[in-house]
């Protein structure tokens, strides 16, 4: 399968300003911050996580 569909699908499977990826479970070194939908987690690398203040 070629064409723009692979890029469109990749864009819609991203989250957190395209720094995270929607998956069923996160890899090592990744944390989930928000949910993409009811069954997928937004997995983000630890270096892209926001700093919590307060």
PDB file of N, CA and C in Angstrom:
ATOM      1  N   UNK A   1       0.838  -1.187   0.000  1.00  0.00           N
ATOM      2  CA  UNK A   1       0.000   0.000   0.000  1.00  0.00           C
ATOM      3  C   UNK A   1       0.875   1.240   0.000  1.00  0.00           C
ATOM      4  N   UNK A   2       0.671   2.025  -0.984  1.00  0.00           N
ATOM      5  CA  UNK A   2       1.470   3.235  -1.078  1.00  0.00           C
ATOM      6  C   UNK A   2       0.554   4.439  -1.163  1.00  0.00           C
ATOM      7  N   UNK A   3       1.153   5.574  -1.228  1.00  0.00           N
ATOM      8  CA  UNK A   3       0.370   6.794  -1.337  1.00  0.00           C
ATOM      9  C   UNK A   3       0.306   7.533  -0.025  1.00  0.00           C
ATOM     10  N   UNK A   4      -0.514   8.552   0.023  1.00  0.00           N
ATOM     11  CA  UNK A   4      -0.567   9.408   1.216  1.00  0.00           C
ATOM     12  C   UNK A   4      -1.282   8.778   2.410  1.00  0.00           C
ATOM     13  N   UNK A   5      -1.952   7.651   2.215  1.00  0.00           N
ATOM     14  CA  UNK A   5      -2.731   7.068   3.312  1.00  0.00           C
ATOM     15  C   UNK A   5      -1.879   6.693   4.511  1.00  0.00           C
ATOM     16  N   UNK A   6      -0.666   6.220   4.288  1.00  0.00           N
ATOM     17  CA  UNK A   6       0.193   5.843   5.409  1.00  0.00           C
ATOM     18  C   UNK A   6       0.566   7.063   6.246  1.00  0.00           C
ATOM     19  N   UNK A   7       0.759   8.198   5.609  1.00  0.00           N
ATOM     20  CA  UNK A   7       1.104   9.418   6.341  1.00  0.00           C
ATOM     21  C   UNK A   7      -0.101   9.979   7.076  1.00  0.00           C
ATOM     22  N   UNK A   8      -1.262   9.883   6.463  1.00  0.00           N
ATOM     23  CA  UNK A   8      -2.489  10.344   7.117  1.00  0.00           C
ATOM     24  C   UNK A   8      -2.789   9.481   8.329  1.00  0.00           C
ATOM     25  N   UNK A   9      -2.642   8.174   8.187  1.00  0.00           N
ATOM     26  CA  UNK A   9      -2.893   7.264   9.307  1.00  0.00           C
ATOM     27  C   UNK A   9      -1.903   7.516  10.439  1.00  0.00           C
ATOM     28  N   UNK A  10      -0.642   7.754  10.103  1.00  0.00           N
ATOM     29  CA  UNK A  10       0.365   8.029  11.126  1.00  0.00           C
ATOM     30  C   UNK A  10       0.060   9.327  11.866  1.00  0.00           C
ATOM     31  N   UNK A  11      -0.433  10.334  11.145  1.00  0.00           N
ATOM     32  CA  UNK A  11      -0.756  11.609  11.784  1.00  0.00           C
ATOM     33  C   UNK A  11      -1.909  11.453  12.764  1.00  0.00           C
ATOM     34  N   UNK A  12      -2.937  10.689  12.406  1.00  0.00           N
ATOM     35  CA  UNK A  12      -4.081  10.529  13.287  1.00  0.00           C
ATOM     36  C   UNK A  12      -3.816   9.543  14.419  1.00  0.00           C
ATOM     37  N   UNK A  13      -2.747   8.754  14.344  1.00  0.00           N
ATOM     38  CA  UNK A  13      -2.379   7.864  15.435  1.00  0.00           C
ATOM     39  C   UNK A  13      -1.426   8.530  16.412  1.00  0.00           C
ATOM     40  N   UNK A  14      -1.156   9.815  16.225  1.00  0.00           N
ATOM     41  CA  UNK A  14      -0.284  10.524  17.143  1.00  0.00           C
ATOM     42  C   UNK A  14      -1.119  11.356  18.107  1.00  0.00           C
ATOM     43  N   UNK A  15      -0.491  11.752  19.187  1.00  0.00           N
ATOM     44  CA  UNK A  15      -1.168  12.552  20.199  1.00  0.00           C
ATOM     45  C   UNK A  15      -0.129  13.454  20.856  1.00  0.00           C
ATOM     46  N   UNK A  16      -0.575  14.280  21.742  1.00  0.00           N
ATOM     47  CA  UNK A  16       0.288  15.191  22.491  1.00  0.00           C
ATOM     48  C   UNK A  16       1.177  15.997  21.551  1.00  0.00           C
ATOM     49  N   UNK A  17       0.541  16.721  20.648  1.00  0.00           N
ATOM     50  CA  UNK A  17       1.231  17.556  19.649  1.00  0.00           C
ATOM     51  C   UNK A  17       2.229  16.756  18.827  1.00  0.00           C
ATOM     52  N   UNK A  18       1.824  15.590  18.416  1.00  0.00           N
ATOM     53  CA  UNK A  18       2.592  14.635  17.591  1.00  0.00           C
ATOM     54  C   UNK A  18       3.860  14.125  18.268  1.00  0.00           C
ATOM     55  N   UNK A  19       3.999  14.271  19.578  1.00  0.00           N
ATOM     56  CA  UNK A  19       5.159  13.730  20.287  1.00  0.00           C
ATOM     57  C   UNK A  19       4.857  12.363  20.890  1.00  0.00           C
ATOM     58  N   UNK A  20       3.591  11.988  20.971  1.00  0.00           N
ATOM     59  CA  UNK A  20       3.190  10.700  21.497  1.00  0.00           C
ATOM     60  C   UNK A  20       2.542   9.842  20.427  1.00  0.00           C
ATOM     61  N   UNK A  21       2.363   8.556  20.760  1.00  0.00           N
ATOM     62  CA  UNK A  21       1.768   7.603  19.834  1.00  0.00           C
ATOM     63  C   UNK A  21       0.655   6.866  20.556  1.00  0.00           C
ATOM     64  N   UNK A  22      -0.459   6.654  19.868  1.00  0.00           N
ATOM     65  CA  UNK A  22      -1.584   5.915  20.440  1.00  0.00           C
ATOM     66  C   UNK A  22      -1.319   4.422  20.300  1.00  0.00           C
ATOM     67  N   UNK A  23      -1.290   3.718  21.427  1.00  0.00           N
ATOM     68  CA  UNK A  23      -1.047   2.274  21.444  1.00  0.00           C
ATOM     69  C   UNK A  23      -1.917   1.620  22.502  1.00  0.00           C
ATOM     70  N   UNK A  24      -2.000   0.289  22.411  1.00  0.00           N
ATOM     71  CA  UNK A  24      -2.712  -0.478  23.438  1.00  0.00           C
ATOM     72  C   UNK A  24      -1.927  -0.489  24.744  1.00  0.00           C
ATOM     73  N   UNK A  25      -0.601  -0.598  24.659  1.00  0.00           N
ATOM     74  CA  UNK A  25       0.253  -0.542  25.845  1.00  0.00           C
ATOM     75  C   UNK A  25       1.550   0.175  25.477  1.00  0.00           C
ATOM     76  N   UNK A  26       2.161   0.794  26.458  1.00  0.00           N
ATOM     77  CA  UNK A  26       3.358   1.604  26.219  1.00  0.00           C
ATOM     78  C   UNK A  26       4.617   0.753  26.319  1.00  0.00           C
ATOM     79  N   UNK A  27       5.650   1.158  25.590  1.00  0.00           N
ATOM     80  CA  UNK A  27       6.948   0.495  25.651  1.00  0.00           C
ATOM     81  C   UNK A  27       7.699   0.935  26.901  1.00  0.00           C
ATOM     82  N   UNK A  28       8.845   0.319  27.128  1.00  0.00           N
ATOM     83  CA  UNK A  28       9.717   0.728  28.226  1.00  0.00           C
ATOM     84  C   UNK A  28      10.229   2.129  27.978  1.00  0.00           C
ATOM     85  N   UNK A  29      10.298   2.912  29.014  1.00  0.00           N
ATOM     86  CA  UNK A  29      10.771   4.281  28.874  1.00  0.00           C
ATOM     87  C   UNK A  29       9.693   5.255  28.444  1.00  0.00           C
ATOM     88  N   UNK A  30       8.474   4.747  28.269  1.00  0.00           N
ATOM     89  CA  UNK A  30       7.361   5.611  27.893  1.00  0.00           C
ATOM     90  C   UNK A  30       6.328   5.619  29.013  1.00  0.00           C
ATOM     91  N   UNK A  31       5.636   6.708  29.133  1.00  0.00           N
ATOM     92  CA  UNK A  31       4.556   6.841  30.098  1.00  0.00           C
ATOM     93  C   UNK A  31       3.296   7.223  29.358  1.00  0.00           C
ATOM     94  N   UNK A  32       2.133   6.883  29.939  1.00  0.00           N
ATOM     95  CA  UNK A  32       0.922   7.379  29.304  1.00  0.00           C
ATOM     96  C   UNK A  32       0.450   8.588  30.083  1.00  0.00           C
ATOM     97  N   UNK A  33       0.049   9.595  29.359  1.00  0.00           N
ATOM     98  CA  UNK A  33      -0.339  10.862  29.969  1.00  0.00           C
ATOM     99  C   UNK A  33      -1.835  11.091  29.853  1.00  0.00           C
ATOM    100  N   UNK A  34      -2.387  10.820  28.681  1.00  0.00           N
ATOM    101  CA  UNK A  34      -3.814  10.963  28.438  1.00  0.00           C
ATOM    102  C   UNK A  34      -4.272   9.764  27.623  1.00  0.00           C
ATOM    103  N   UNK A  35      -5.562   9.638  27.432  1.00  0.00           N
ATOM    104  CA  UNK A  35      -6.106   8.577  26.605  1.00  0.00           C
ATOM    105  C   UNK A  35      -6.391   9.113  25.208  1.00  0.00           C
ATOM    106  N   UNK A  36      -6.093   8.296  24.184  1.00  0.00           N
ATOM    107  CA  UNK A  36      -6.425   8.680  22.807  1.00  0.00           C
ATOM    108  C   UNK A  36      -7.913   8.486  22.560  1.00  0.00           C
ATOM    109  N   UNK A  37      -8.429   7.361  22.996  1.00  0.00           N
ATOM    110  CA  UNK A  37      -9.861   7.091  22.979  1.00  0.00           C
ATOM    111  C   UNK A  37     -10.128   6.130  24.123  1.00  0.00           C
ATOM    112  N   UNK A  38     -11.175   5.379  24.069  1.00  0.00           N
ATOM    113  CA  UNK A  38     -11.523   4.532  25.207  1.00  0.00           C
ATOM    114  C   UNK A  38     -10.609   3.327  25.362  1.00  0.00           C
ATOM    115  N   UNK A  39      -9.892   2.924  24.312  1.00  0.00           N
ATOM    116  CA  UNK A  39      -9.096   1.706  24.413  1.00  0.00           C
ATOM    117  C   UNK A  39      -7.601   1.899  24.166  1.00  0.00           C
ATOM    118  N   UNK A  40      -7.153   3.086  23.808  1.00  0.00           N
ATOM    119  CA  UNK A  40      -5.743   3.318  23.521  1.00  0.00           C
ATOM    120  C   UNK A  40      -5.158   4.369  24.458  1.00  0.00           C
ATOM    121  N   UNK A  41      -3.886   4.177  24.786  1.00  0.00           N
ATOM    122  CA  UNK A  41      -3.155   5.123  25.623  1.00  0.00           C
ATOM    123  C   UNK A  41      -2.282   6.009  24.750  1.00  0.00           C
ATOM    124  N   UNK A  42      -2.071   7.220  25.185  1.00  0.00           N
ATOM    125  CA  UNK A  42      -1.139   8.116  24.506  1.00  0.00           C
ATOM    126  C   UNK A  42       0.225   7.918  25.165  1.00  0.00           C
ATOM    127  N   UNK A  43       1.099   7.170  24.515  1.00  0.00           N
ATOM    128  CA  UNK A  43       2.413   6.846  25.067  1.00  0.00           C
ATOM    129  C   UNK A  43       3.415   7.918  24.661  1.00  0.00           C
ATOM    130  N   UNK A  44       4.055   8.510  25.664  1.00  0.00           N
ATOM    131  CA  UNK A  44       4.975   9.614  25.437  1.00  0.00           C
ATOM    132  C   UNK A  44       6.315   9.269  26.069  1.00  0.00           C
ATOM    133  N   UNK A  45       7.385   9.601  25.374  1.00  0.00           N
ATOM    134  CA  UNK A  45       8.717   9.428  25.925  1.00  0.00           C
ATOM    135  C   UNK A  45       8.865  10.346  27.134  1.00  0.00           C
ATOM    136  N   UNK A  46       9.614   9.908  28.129  1.00  0.00           N
ATOM    137  CA  UNK A  46       9.742  10.682  29.369  1.00  0.00           C
ATOM    138  C   UNK A  46      10.324  12.071  29.144  1.00  0.00           C
ATOM    139  N   UNK A  47      11.172  12.233  28.144  1.00  0.00           N
ATOM    140  CA  UNK A  47      11.790  13.542  27.924  1.00  0.00           C
ATOM    141  C   UNK A  47      10.811  14.561  27.366  1.00  0.00           C
ATOM    142  N   UNK A  48       9.679  14.115  26.821  1.00  0.00           N
ATOM    143  CA  UNK A  48       8.676  15.035  26.300  1.00  0.00           C
ATOM    144  C   UNK A  48       7.573  15.344  27.303  1.00  0.00           C
ATOM    145  N   UNK A  49       7.614  14.712  28.464  1.00  0.00           N
ATOM    146  CA  UNK A  49       6.576  14.951  29.470  1.00  0.00           C
ATOM    147  C   UNK A  49       6.722  16.351  30.054  1.00  0.00           C
ATOM    148  N   UNK A  50       5.606  16.990  30.369  1.00  0.00           N
ATOM    149  CA  UNK A  50       5.686  18.333  30.957  1.00  0.00           C
ATOM    150  C   UNK A  50       6.218  18.280  32.386  1.00  0.00           C
ATOM    151  N   UNK A  51       6.883  19.327  32.789  1.00  0.00           N
ATOM    152  CA  UNK A  51       7.407  19.434  34.147  1.00  0.00           C
ATOM    153  C   UNK A  51       6.274  19.868  35.056  1.00  0.00           C
ATOM    154  N   UNK A  52       6.066  19.118  36.132  1.00  0.00           N
ATOM    155  CA  UNK A  52       4.995  19.463  37.063  1.00  0.00           C
ATOM    156  C   UNK A  52       5.525  20.436  38.104  1.00  0.00           C
ATOM    157  N   UNK A  53       4.822  21.532  38.255  1.00  0.00           N
ATOM    158  CA  UNK A  53       5.226  22.584  39.182  1.00  0.00           C
ATOM    159  C   UNK A  53       4.161  22.713  40.252  1.00  0.00           C
ATOM    160  N   UNK A  54       4.587  22.870  41.486  1.00  0.00           N
ATOM    161  CA  UNK A  54       3.611  23.151  42.524  1.00  0.00           C
ATOM    162  C   UNK A  54       3.496  22.199  43.588  1.00  0.00           C
TER     163      UNK A  54
END
